[in-house]
C-alpha cells in the first residue's frame, strides 16, 4: 500500500467467528506498523444467514468500502463462484479463505496452505519429508496436504475415519502432484506405516478443548519422528505435550494460525507482517483465554 495513512477495513465471514483471534492479530500488527486497520467479524450465526449468503455479503462489503475479507467454514468453496479472479494455488485447492477487493473486483487467495508451509519452514526447518503420515483429510487437511506436497513430501499417507474421503483426496492430490505417492489409509494401518514415516501431521478436531484426547496410540511415536498439530485451542495439545516428552520435535497449531494471518495481512495491506511479533501476540491472546476460566472460577 503506497499511502501508509490510508485506512484498511477488513472482515471475517463464517459461522461462529466471534471468538476468532484473527481480528486482534491483524489490528495489533497494523498498530505497530502505523497502519489504521479495523477488522470486523461477520458471523453468519449471529446474523441468522445461510452460508449461501456469502455472495451477497461480498457485494455489501464492496459497497461499504471494505478492502478485503477472510472466509472460513462453511464458505470456502461457496465463495468461488462469486470471484473475478482466483490465485493458481487456491484454484487447484478448490478453496478460498482470503478475498482482496481491488478496483471493484474480488480476487481470491488461499493462505491456509501457505500458512502451514511457512509454519513448517519456520518451526521445523530440518524436518525430513521423504514420508509423512497425515491424520485427517477434511477441509483443513486438504490445505495441509497440499502444503506438504509443495514443500517436497515424496510419500504422503492420508489417514481418515472416512475411507471414501481419504481416497477422494488422495486421487485429487495425485493429479496435482504426479511425482509424489499419495496413499489413502485407515486408522488400522497406523501400526504398519508409522515405523516407515519421518513425521506426523494431525488435522482432526481431537485435542481441541471440546474434544480432548489423543488421535493415535502414543506408543506409535518414536523420538526420531517430528510431529505437527494444527489444533491451537489449547496451544499445548495432549499430542504436542506427549510427543515432546518422547523426544520428538514438535510444531504447535499456533504456527499455522499465525502463518495464514500473516499472509492475509500482506494481501490486505501490501505490508509484510513481522511473524515473530505476531506469534508473540497470538500466544498472549491464547494465554489470556486459558486464564479466563480460572479467574472466573476464583471470583465465585
Foldseek 3Di string as FASTA:
>chain_A
DPDQADAAEEEEEEAPCPVPPLQVLLCVLNVVVSHHYGYYYDHCVVVVHDLLCVLVVVVVCVVVPHQKYFYDPPNQQSCVVNFPEEDPVCVLLNGFGIWGQDPNGTYTYHQLLVLLLVLCCVQPVPQDQQEEEEEDQDSSNLSPVLNSVVVPRQEYEYEYCDQVSQVVSQVSVCVVRVRHHYHYDYLVCLLVCLVVHQEYEYDDCEQAPVHDDDPHDLVSDALRYAYEYLDVRPQCGPNNVSNVVRNHRYRTNLSSVLRSSQVSSCVSPVDGGDSVVSSVVVVVSNVVVVCVVVVVVVVD
